[in-house]
């Protein structure tokens, strides 16, 4: 049985894209699976707030596109009081798009 990643890659058309929400501590495994099969990989960390490291990342990739991998600033989810930041509220409550540009 193919892994979910292998299946997702097999189903992509040329220049098609896929997006994973993934554990940050397993990024090397996901990037190894995407290497040579996709390009235009964009890594978007979801920072929990404060000085804590990201636990989740959003990874977007496109099949057959030869563009270097980029690491974006990401999104801080919580302020010092533990409430959602204004940027996180716009995404969660208002349906605002994340900036992968």
PDB file of N, CA and C in Angstrom:
ATOM      1  N   UNK A   1       0.838  -1.181   0.000  1.00  0.00           N
ATOM      2  CA  UNK A   1       0.000   0.000   0.000  1.00  0.00           C
ATOM      3  C   UNK A   1       0.886   1.249   0.000  1.00  0.00           C
ATOM      4  N   UNK A   2       0.581   2.195  -0.857  1.00  0.00           N
ATOM      5  CA  UNK A   2       1.335   3.444  -0.933  1.00  0.00           C
ATOM      6  C   UNK A   2       1.015   4.329   0.264  1.00  0.00           C
ATOM      7  N   UNK A   3       2.002   5.119   0.655  1.00  0.00           N
ATOM      8  CA  UNK A   3       1.746   6.097   1.713  1.00  0.00           C
ATOM      9  C   UNK A   3       0.858   7.205   1.152  1.00  0.00           C
ATOM     10  N   UNK A   4       0.254   7.961   2.046  1.00  0.00           N
ATOM     11  CA  UNK A   4      -0.600   9.075   1.626  1.00  0.00           C
ATOM     12  C   UNK A   4       0.195  10.072   0.792  1.00  0.00           C
ATOM     13  N   UNK A   5       1.475  10.284   1.164  1.00  0.00           N
ATOM     14  CA  UNK A   5       2.311  11.223   0.415  1.00  0.00           C
ATOM     15  C   UNK A   5       2.545  10.718  -0.998  1.00  0.00           C
ATOM     16  N   UNK A   6       2.899   9.450  -1.126  1.00  0.00           N
ATOM     17  CA  UNK A   6       3.163   8.882  -2.447  1.00  0.00           C
ATOM     18  C   UNK A   6       1.911   8.930  -3.305  1.00  0.00           C
ATOM     19  N   UNK A   7       0.769   8.646  -2.712  1.00  0.00           N
ATOM     20  CA  UNK A   7      -0.492   8.678  -3.445  1.00  0.00           C
ATOM     21  C   UNK A   7      -0.797  10.108  -3.915  1.00  0.00           C
ATOM     22  N   UNK A   8      -0.611  11.076  -3.026  1.00  0.00           N
ATOM     23  CA  UNK A   8      -0.871  12.475  -3.385  1.00  0.00           C
ATOM     24  C   UNK A   8       0.029  12.914  -4.532  1.00  0.00           C
ATOM     25  N   UNK A   9       1.302  12.542  -4.485  1.00  0.00           N
ATOM     26  CA  UNK A   9       2.227  12.895  -5.566  1.00  0.00           C
ATOM     27  C   UNK A   9       1.842  12.216  -6.873  1.00  0.00           C
ATOM     28  N   UNK A  10       1.425  10.961  -6.807  1.00  0.00           N
ATOM     29  CA  UNK A  10       1.045  10.229  -8.016  1.00  0.00           C
ATOM     30  C   UNK A  10      -0.200  10.834  -8.666  1.00  0.00           C
ATOM     31  N   UNK A  11      -1.078  11.411  -7.889  1.00  0.00           N
ATOM     32  CA  UNK A  11      -2.322  11.968  -8.410  1.00  0.00           C
ATOM     33  C   UNK A  11      -2.160  13.365  -9.007  1.00  0.00           C
ATOM     34  N   UNK A  12      -1.033  14.004  -8.759  1.00  0.00           N
ATOM     35  CA  UNK A  12      -0.816  15.360  -9.270  1.00  0.00           C
ATOM     36  C   UNK A  12      -0.557  15.369 -10.770  1.00  0.00           C
ATOM     37  N   UNK A  13      -1.121  16.335 -11.424  1.00  0.00           N
ATOM     38  CA  UNK A  13      -0.795  16.591 -12.826  1.00  0.00           C
ATOM     39  C   UNK A  13       0.445  17.485 -12.866  1.00  0.00           C
ATOM     40  N   UNK A  14       1.033  17.602 -14.029  1.00  0.00           N
ATOM     41  CA  UNK A  14       2.189  18.490 -14.200  1.00  0.00           C
ATOM     42  C   UNK A  14       1.811  19.904 -13.764  1.00  0.00           C
ATOM     43  N   UNK A  15       2.650  20.507 -12.976  1.00  0.00           N
ATOM     44  CA  UNK A  15       2.483  21.847 -12.418  1.00  0.00           C
ATOM     45  C   UNK A  15       1.337  21.944 -11.413  1.00  0.00           C
ATOM     46  N   UNK A  16       0.741  20.801 -11.052  1.00  0.00           N
ATOM     47  CA  UNK A  16      -0.286  20.784 -10.020  1.00  0.00           C
ATOM     48  C   UNK A  16       0.344  20.970  -8.654  1.00  0.00           C
ATOM     49  N   UNK A  17      -0.446  21.426  -7.705  1.00  0.00           N
ATOM     50  CA  UNK A  17       0.079  21.699  -6.380  1.00  0.00           C
ATOM     51  C   UNK A  17      -0.591  20.880  -5.301  1.00  0.00           C
ATOM     52  N   UNK A  18       0.129  20.727  -4.206  1.00  0.00           N
ATOM     53  CA  UNK A  18      -0.435  20.064  -3.037  1.00  0.00           C
ATOM     54  C   UNK A  18      -0.003  20.815  -1.792  1.00  0.00           C
ATOM     55  N   UNK A  19      -0.791  20.674  -0.741  1.00  0.00           N
ATOM     56  CA  UNK A  19      -0.523  21.359   0.515  1.00  0.00           C
ATOM     57  C   UNK A  19      -0.668  20.355   1.644  1.00  0.00           C
ATOM     58  N   UNK A  20       0.313  20.342   2.544  1.00  0.00           N
ATOM     59  CA  UNK A  20       0.272  19.504   3.743  1.00  0.00           C
ATOM     60  C   UNK A  20       0.370  20.395   4.969  1.00  0.00           C
ATOM     61  N   UNK A  21      -0.402  20.088   5.991  1.00  0.00           N
ATOM     62  CA  UNK A  21      -0.157  20.628   7.324  1.00  0.00           C
ATOM     63  C   UNK A  21       0.566  19.505   8.035  1.00  0.00           C
ATOM     64  N   UNK A  22       1.759  19.790   8.504  1.00  0.00           N
ATOM     65  CA  UNK A  22       2.650  18.720   8.943  1.00  0.00           C
ATOM     66  C   UNK A  22       3.328  19.092  10.250  1.00  0.00           C
ATOM     67  N   UNK A  23       3.803  18.092  10.969  1.00  0.00           N
ATOM     68  CA  UNK A  23       4.567  18.325  12.189  1.00  0.00           C
ATOM     69  C   UNK A  23       5.918  18.940  11.841  1.00  0.00           C
ATOM     70  N   UNK A  24       6.274  20.016  12.529  1.00  0.00           N
ATOM     71  CA  UNK A  24       7.543  20.694  12.254  1.00  0.00           C
ATOM     72  C   UNK A  24       8.740  19.809  12.573  1.00  0.00           C
ATOM     73  N   UNK A  25       8.621  18.945  13.563  1.00  0.00           N
ATOM     74  CA  UNK A  25       9.755  18.097  13.935  1.00  0.00           C
ATOM     75  C   UNK A  25       9.975  16.935  12.974  1.00  0.00           C
ATOM     76  N   UNK A  26       9.147  16.831  11.958  1.00  0.00           N
ATOM     77  CA  UNK A  26       9.310  15.780  10.943  1.00  0.00           C
ATOM     78  C   UNK A  26       9.498  16.368   9.539  1.00  0.00           C
ATOM     79  N   UNK A  27       9.915  17.611   9.484  1.00  0.00           N
ATOM     80  CA  UNK A  27      10.040  18.300   8.200  1.00  0.00           C
ATOM     81  C   UNK A  27      11.038  17.609   7.274  1.00  0.00           C
ATOM     82  N   UNK A  28      12.130  17.067   7.837  1.00  0.00           N
ATOM     83  CA  UNK A  28      13.147  16.454   6.982  1.00  0.00           C
ATOM     84  C   UNK A  28      12.585  15.260   6.213  1.00  0.00           C
ATOM     85  N   UNK A  29      11.688  14.502   6.808  1.00  0.00           N
ATOM     86  CA  UNK A  29      11.097  13.355   6.116  1.00  0.00           C
ATOM     87  C   UNK A  29      10.208  13.809   4.958  1.00  0.00           C
ATOM     88  N   UNK A  30       9.390  14.816   5.211  1.00  0.00           N
ATOM     89  CA  UNK A  30       8.519  15.315   4.151  1.00  0.00           C
ATOM     90  C   UNK A  30       9.337  15.913   3.012  1.00  0.00           C
ATOM     91  N   UNK A  31      10.364  16.705   3.323  1.00  0.00           N
ATOM     92  CA  UNK A  31      11.185  17.302   2.275  1.00  0.00           C
ATOM     93  C   UNK A  31      11.934  16.238   1.481  1.00  0.00           C
ATOM     94  N   UNK A  32      12.361  15.168   2.132  1.00  0.00           N
ATOM     95  CA  UNK A  32      13.034  14.073   1.434  1.00  0.00           C
ATOM     96  C   UNK A  32      12.079  13.396   0.448  1.00  0.00           C
ATOM     97  N   UNK A  33      10.821  13.256   0.830  1.00  0.00           N
ATOM     98  CA  UNK A  33       9.843  12.646  -0.072  1.00  0.00           C
ATOM     99  C   UNK A  33       9.521  13.550  -1.263  1.00  0.00           C
ATOM    100  N   UNK A  34       9.557  14.847  -1.042  1.00  0.00           N
ATOM    101  CA  UNK A  34       9.242  15.794  -2.109  1.00  0.00           C
ATOM    102  C   UNK A  34      10.424  16.061  -3.033  1.00  0.00           C
ATOM    103  N   UNK A  35      11.641  15.871  -2.541  1.00  0.00           N
ATOM    104  CA  UNK A  35      12.852  16.168  -3.308  1.00  0.00           C
ATOM    105  C   UNK A  35      12.898  15.368  -4.608  1.00  0.00           C
ATOM    106  N   UNK A  36      13.137  16.078  -5.691  1.00  0.00           N
ATOM    107  CA  UNK A  36      13.232  15.443  -6.995  1.00  0.00           C
ATOM    108  C   UNK A  36      11.889  15.153  -7.644  1.00  0.00           C
ATOM    109  N   UNK A  37      10.818  15.276  -6.889  1.00  0.00           N
ATOM    110  CA  UNK A  37       9.477  15.011  -7.420  1.00  0.00           C
ATOM    111  C   UNK A  37       8.658  16.293  -7.567  1.00  0.00           C
ATOM    112  N   UNK A  38       9.016  17.301  -6.764  1.00  0.00           N
ATOM    113  CA  UNK A  38       8.301  18.576  -6.802  1.00  0.00           C
ATOM    114  C   UNK A  38       9.315  19.706  -6.719  1.00  0.00           C
ATOM    115  N   UNK A  39       8.827  20.884  -6.918  1.00  0.00           N
ATOM    116  CA  UNK A  39       9.621  22.094  -6.760  1.00  0.00           C
ATOM    117  C   UNK A  39       8.715  23.169  -6.211  1.00  0.00           C
ATOM    118  N   UNK A  40       9.207  24.390  -6.231  1.00  0.00           N
ATOM    119  CA  UNK A  40       8.452  25.518  -5.686  1.00  0.00           C
ATOM    120  C   UNK A  40       7.883  25.154  -4.309  1.00  0.00           C
ATOM    121  N   UNK A  41       8.723  24.532  -3.490  1.00  0.00           N
ATOM    122  CA  UNK A  41       8.305  24.156  -2.140  1.00  0.00           C
ATOM    123  C   UNK A  41       8.339  25.401  -1.263  1.00  0.00           C
ATOM    124  N   UNK A  42       7.241  25.651  -0.566  1.00  0.00           N
ATOM    125  CA  UNK A  42       7.126  26.790   0.333  1.00  0.00           C
ATOM    126  C   UNK A  42       6.786  26.247   1.719  1.00  0.00           C
ATOM    127  N   UNK A  43       7.579  26.653   2.713  1.00  0.00           N
ATOM    128  CA  UNK A  43       7.365  26.225   4.095  1.00  0.00           C
ATOM    129  C   UNK A  43       6.863  27.429   4.884  1.00  0.00           C
ATOM    130  N   UNK A  44       5.723  27.258   5.525  1.00  0.00           N
ATOM    131  CA  UNK A  44       5.042  28.332   6.245  1.00  0.00           C
ATOM    132  C   UNK A  44       4.819  27.882   7.690  1.00  0.00           C
ATOM    133  N   UNK A  45       5.681  28.312   8.635  1.00  0.00           N
ATOM    134  CA  UNK A  45       5.531  27.879  10.030  1.00  0.00           C
ATOM    135  C   UNK A  45       4.306  28.498  10.699  1.00  0.00           C
ATOM    136  N   UNK A  46       3.704  27.747  11.589  1.00  0.00           N
ATOM    137  CA  UNK A  46       2.626  28.245  12.441  1.00  0.00           C
ATOM    138  C   UNK A  46       3.210  28.363  13.848  1.00  0.00           C
ATOM    139  N   UNK A  47       3.587  29.581  14.213  1.00  0.00           N
ATOM    140  CA  UNK A  47       4.245  29.842  15.488  1.00  0.00           C
ATOM    141  C   UNK A  47       3.199  29.909  16.583  1.00  0.00           C
ATOM    142  N   UNK A  48       3.379  29.172  17.692  1.00  0.00           N
ATOM    143  CA  UNK A  48       2.384  29.190  18.764  1.00  0.00           C
ATOM    144  C   UNK A  48       2.382  30.495  19.550  1.00  0.00           C
ATOM    145  N   UNK A  49       3.439  31.261  19.502  1.00  0.00           N
ATOM    146  CA  UNK A  49       3.534  32.530  20.223  1.00  0.00           C
ATOM    147  C   UNK A  49       4.695  32.501  21.193  1.00  0.00           C
ATOM    148  N   UNK A  50       5.046  33.664  21.679  1.00  0.00           N
ATOM    149  CA  UNK A  50       6.189  33.761  22.572  1.00  0.00           C
ATOM    150  C   UNK A  50       7.451  33.333  21.856  1.00  0.00           C
ATOM    151  N   UNK A  51       8.338  32.708  22.584  1.00  0.00           N
ATOM    152  CA  UNK A  51       9.590  32.232  22.004  1.00  0.00           C
ATOM    153  C   UNK A  51       9.550  30.737  21.715  1.00  0.00           C
ATOM    154  N   UNK A  52       8.367  30.170  21.651  1.00  0.00           N
ATOM    155  CA  UNK A  52       8.238  28.730  21.440  1.00  0.00           C
ATOM    156  C   UNK A  52       8.415  28.386  19.961  1.00  0.00           C
ATOM    157  N   UNK A  53       9.024  27.243  19.679  1.00  0.00           N
ATOM    158  CA  UNK A  53       9.211  26.825  18.291  1.00  0.00           C
ATOM    159  C   UNK A  53       7.886  26.391  17.657  1.00  0.00           C
ATOM    160  N   UNK A  54       7.837  26.460  16.356  1.00  0.00           N
ATOM    161  CA  UNK A  54       6.650  26.016  15.628  1.00  0.00           C
ATOM    162  C   UNK A  54       6.460  24.511  15.820  1.00  0.00           C
ATOM    163  N   UNK A  55       5.227  24.100  16.069  1.00  0.00           N
ATOM    164  CA  UNK A  55       4.905  22.667  16.175  1.00  0.00           C
ATOM    165  C   UNK A  55       4.311  22.150  14.872  1.00  0.00           C
ATOM    166  N   UNK A  56       3.719  23.034  14.101  1.00  0.00           N
ATOM    167  CA  UNK A  56       3.114  22.665  12.826  1.00  0.00           C
ATOM    168  C   UNK A  56       3.634  23.600  11.750  1.00  0.00           C
ATOM    169  N   UNK A  57       3.694  23.076  10.542  1.00  0.00           N
ATOM    170  CA  UNK A  57       4.074  23.867   9.381  1.00  0.00           C
ATOM    171  C   UNK A  57       3.093  23.558   8.262  1.00  0.00           C
ATOM    172  N   UNK A  58       2.929  24.495   7.379  1.00  0.00           N
ATOM    173  CA  UNK A  58       2.186  24.261   6.145  1.00  0.00           C
ATOM    174  C   UNK A  58       3.228  24.188   5.050  1.00  0.00           C
ATOM    175  N   UNK A  59       3.189  23.123   4.267  1.00  0.00           N
ATOM    176  CA  UNK A  59       4.141  22.938   3.165  1.00  0.00           C
ATOM    177  C   UNK A  59       3.349  22.857   1.874  1.00  0.00           C
ATOM    178  N   UNK A  60       3.687  23.733   0.937  1.00  0.00           N
ATOM    179  CA  UNK A  60       3.059  23.723  -0.386  1.00  0.00           C
ATOM    180  C   UNK A  60       4.134  23.381  -1.405  1.00  0.00           C
ATOM    181  N   UNK A  61       3.791  22.527  -2.374  1.00  0.00           N
ATOM    182  CA  UNK A  61       4.743  22.133  -3.421  1.00  0.00           C
ATOM    183  C   UNK A  61       4.002  21.966  -4.737  1.00  0.00           C
ATOM    184  N   UNK A  62       4.749  22.097  -5.842  1.00  0.00           N
ATOM    185  CA  UNK A  62       4.175  21.910  -7.176  1.00  0.00           C
ATOM    186  C   UNK A  62       4.989  20.881  -7.939  1.00  0.00           C
ATOM    187  N   UNK A  63       4.310  20.021  -8.646  1.00  0.00           N
ATOM    188  CA  UNK A  63       4.954  18.946  -9.407  1.00  0.00           C
ATOM    189  C   UNK A  63       5.547  19.501 -10.697  1.00  0.00           C
ATOM    190  N   UNK A  64       6.807  19.155 -10.943  1.00  0.00           N
ATOM    191  CA  UNK A  64       7.450  19.524 -12.198  1.00  0.00           C
ATOM    192  C   UNK A  64       7.824  20.981 -12.318  1.00  0.00           C
ATOM    193  N   UNK A  65       7.934  21.687 -11.220  1.00  0.00           N
ATOM    194  CA  UNK A  65       8.324  23.096 -11.242  1.00  0.00           C
ATOM    195  C   UNK A  65       9.681  23.210 -10.562  1.00  0.00           C
ATOM    196  N   UNK A  66      10.641  23.811 -11.244  1.00  0.00           N
ATOM    197  CA  UNK A  66      12.012  23.888 -10.725  1.00  0.00           C
ATOM    198  C   UNK A  66      12.292  25.264 -10.135  1.00  0.00           C
ATOM    199  N   UNK A  67      11.716  25.522  -8.984  1.00  0.00           N
ATOM    200  CA  UNK A  67      11.934  26.766  -8.267  1.00  0.00           C
ATOM    201  C   UNK A  67      12.490  26.416  -6.893  1.00  0.00           C
ATOM    202  N   UNK A  68      13.442  27.179  -6.376  1.00  0.00           N
ATOM    203  CA  UNK A  68      14.031  26.844  -5.078  1.00  0.00           C
ATOM    204  C   UNK A  68      13.011  26.833  -3.934  1.00  0.00           C
ATOM    205  N   UNK A  69      13.341  26.086  -2.907  1.00  0.00           N
ATOM    206  CA  UNK A  69      12.521  26.034  -1.694  1.00  0.00           C
ATOM    207  C   UNK A  69      12.633  27.356  -0.955  1.00  0.00           C
ATOM    208  N   UNK A  70      11.498  27.813  -0.394  1.00  0.00           N
ATOM    209  CA  UNK A  70      11.477  29.069   0.362  1.00  0.00           C
ATOM    210  C   UNK A  70      10.898  28.829   1.750  1.00  0.00           C
ATOM    211  N   UNK A  71      11.448  29.501   2.719  1.00  0.00           N
ATOM    212  CA  UNK A  71      10.931  29.502   4.081  1.00  0.00           C
ATOM    213  C   UNK A  71      10.342  30.875   4.347  1.00  0.00           C
ATOM    214  N   UNK A  72       9.039  30.934   4.586  1.00  0.00           N
ATOM    215  CA  UNK A  72       8.358  32.202   4.820  1.00  0.00           C
ATOM    216  C   UNK A  72       8.300  32.520   6.311  1.00  0.00           C
ATOM    217  N   UNK A  73       8.011  33.772   6.671  1.00  0.00           N
ATOM    218  CA  UNK A  73       7.946  34.141   8.084  1.00  0.00           C
ATOM    219  C   UNK A  73       6.876  33.369   8.866  1.00  0.00           C
ATOM    220  N   UNK A  74       5.809  32.989   8.209  1.00  0.00           N
ATOM    221  CA  UNK A  74       4.761  32.227   8.876  1.00  0.00           C
ATOM    222  C   UNK A  74       3.742  33.104   9.577  1.00  0.00           C
ATOM    223  N   UNK A  75       3.035  32.490  10.520  1.00  0.00           N
ATOM    224  CA  UNK A  75       1.937  33.158  11.220  1.00  0.00           C
ATOM    225  C   UNK A  75       2.076  32.886  12.710  1.00  0.00           C
ATOM    226  N   UNK A  76       2.065  33.948  13.520  1.00  0.00           N
ATOM    227  CA  UNK A  76       2.040  33.807  14.975  1.00  0.00           C
ATOM    228  C   UNK A  76       0.587  33.626  15.378  1.00  0.00           C
ATOM    229  N   UNK A  77       0.297  32.548  16.088  1.00  0.00           N
ATOM    230  CA  UNK A  77      -1.084  32.202  16.430  1.00  0.00           C
ATOM    231  C   UNK A  77      -1.606  32.883  17.690  1.00  0.00           C
ATOM    232  N   UNK A  78      -0.761  33.005  18.729  1.00  0.00           N
ATOM    233  CA  UNK A  78      -1.236  33.518  20.020  1.00  0.00           C
ATOM    234  C   UNK A  78      -0.387  34.683  20.525  1.00  0.00           C
ATOM    235  N   UNK A  79      -1.050  35.608  21.211  1.00  0.00           N
ATOM    236  CA  UNK A  79      -0.316  36.704  21.843  1.00  0.00           C
ATOM    237  C   UNK A  79       0.162  36.258  23.223  1.00  0.00           C
ATOM    238  N   UNK A  80       0.759  37.174  23.977  1.00  0.00           N
ATOM    239  CA  UNK A  80       1.317  36.835  25.290  1.00  0.00           C
ATOM    240  C   UNK A  80       0.252  36.382  26.283  1.00  0.00           C
ATOM    241  N   UNK A  81      -0.985  36.828  26.102  1.00  0.00           N
ATOM    242  CA  UNK A  81      -2.072  36.447  27.002  1.00  0.00           C
ATOM    243  C   UNK A  81      -2.707  35.110  26.606  1.00  0.00           C
ATOM    244  N   UNK A  82      -2.250  34.549  25.478  1.00  0.00           N
ATOM    245  CA  UNK A  82      -2.802  33.274  25.036  1.00  0.00           C
ATOM    246  C   UNK A  82      -3.979  33.389  24.094  1.00  0.00           C
ATOM    247  N   UNK A  83      -4.351  34.615  23.730  1.00  0.00           N
ATOM    248  CA  UNK A  83      -5.449  34.835  22.788  1.00  0.00           C
ATOM    249  C   UNK A  83      -4.911  34.797  21.359  1.00  0.00           C
ATOM    250  N   UNK A  84      -5.802  34.496  20.415  1.00  0.00           N
ATOM    251  CA  UNK A  84      -5.382  34.527  19.018  1.00  0.00           C
ATOM    252  C   UNK A  84      -4.933  35.931  18.635  1.00  0.00           C
ATOM    253  N   UNK A  85      -3.876  36.016  17.835  1.00  0.00           N
ATOM    254  CA  UNK A  85      -3.437  37.313  17.317  1.00  0.00           C
ATOM    255  C   UNK A  85      -4.464  37.811  16.308  1.00  0.00           C
ATOM    256  N   UNK A  86      -4.400  39.091  15.981  1.00  0.00           N
ATOM    257  CA  UNK A  86      -5.334  39.659  15.000  1.00  0.00           C
ATOM    258  C   UNK A  86      -5.187  38.954  13.652  1.00  0.00           C
ATOM    259  N   UNK A  87      -3.950  38.642  13.265  1.00  0.00           N
ATOM    260  CA  UNK A  87      -3.729  37.945  11.984  1.00  0.00           C
ATOM    261  C   UNK A  87      -4.352  36.549  12.003  1.00  0.00           C
ATOM    262  N   UNK A  88      -4.201  35.830  13.114  1.00  0.00           N
ATOM    263  CA  UNK A  88      -4.796  34.496  13.224  1.00  0.00           C
ATOM    264  C   UNK A  88      -6.320  34.585  13.219  1.00  0.00           C
ATOM    265  N   UNK A  89      -6.875  35.577  13.890  1.00  0.00           N
ATOM    266  CA  UNK A  89      -8.339  35.783  13.898  1.00  0.00           C
ATOM    267  C   UNK A  89      -8.865  36.009  12.484  1.00  0.00           C
ATOM    268  N   UNK A  90      -8.133  36.794  11.691  1.00  0.00           N
ATOM    269  CA  UNK A  90      -8.587  37.060  10.315  1.00  0.00           C
ATOM    270  C   UNK A  90      -8.665  35.755   9.510  1.00  0.00           C
ATOM    271  N   UNK A  91      -7.707  34.866   9.726  1.00  0.00           N
ATOM    272  CA  UNK A  91      -7.713  33.585   9.011  1.00  0.00           C
ATOM    273  C   UNK A  91      -8.811  32.675   9.541  1.00  0.00           C
ATOM    274  N   UNK A  92      -8.882  32.534  10.856  1.00  0.00           N
ATOM    275  CA  UNK A  92      -9.804  31.592  11.474  1.00  0.00           C
ATOM    276  C   UNK A  92     -11.262  32.018  11.407  1.00  0.00           C
ATOM    277  N   UNK A  93     -11.528  33.296  11.660  1.00  0.00           N
ATOM    278  CA  UNK A  93     -12.914  33.774  11.775  1.00  0.00           C
ATOM    279  C   UNK A  93     -13.448  34.413  10.502  1.00  0.00           C
ATOM    280  N   UNK A  94     -12.571  35.079   9.778  1.00  0.00           N
ATOM    281  CA  UNK A  94     -13.000  35.830   8.603  1.00  0.00           C
ATOM    282  C   UNK A  94     -12.682  35.133   7.281  1.00  0.00           C
ATOM    283  N   UNK A  95     -11.937  34.037   7.354  1.00  0.00           N
ATOM    284  CA  UNK A  95     -11.595  33.310   6.133  1.00  0.00           C
ATOM    285  C   UNK A  95     -10.536  33.984   5.280  1.00  0.00           C
ATOM    286  N   UNK A  96      -9.725  34.847   5.904  1.00  0.00           N
ATOM    287  CA  UNK A  96      -8.669  35.522   5.157  1.00  0.00           C
ATOM    288  C   UNK A  96      -7.652  34.499   4.654  1.00  0.00           C
ATOM    289  N   UNK A  97      -7.056  34.783   3.532  1.00  0.00           N
ATOM    290  CA  UNK A  97      -6.074  33.880   2.946  1.00  0.00           C
ATOM    291  C   UNK A  97      -4.704  34.081   3.596  1.00  0.00           C
ATOM    292  N   UNK A  98      -3.947  33.003   3.704  1.00  0.00           N
ATOM    293  CA  UNK A  98      -2.561  33.093   4.153  1.00  0.00           C
ATOM    294  C   UNK A  98      -1.714  33.572   2.988  1.00  0.00           C
ATOM    295  N   UNK A  99      -0.684  34.341   3.276  1.00  0.00           N
ATOM    296  CA  UNK A  99       0.177  34.912   2.237  1.00  0.00           C
ATOM    297  C   UNK A  99       1.337  33.964   1.943  1.00  0.00           C
ATOM    298  N   UNK A 100       1.202  33.154   0.903  1.00  0.00           N
ATOM    299  CA  UNK A 100       2.267  32.239   0.501  1.00  0.00           C
ATOM    300  C   UNK A 100       3.155  32.855  -0.566  1.00  0.00           C
ATOM    301  N   UNK A 101       2.907  34.113  -0.910  1.00  0.00           N
ATOM    302  CA  UNK A 101       3.607  34.799  -1.993  1.00  0.00           C
ATOM    303  C   UNK A 101       5.015  34.981  -1.754  1.00  0.00           C
TER     304      UNK A 101
END
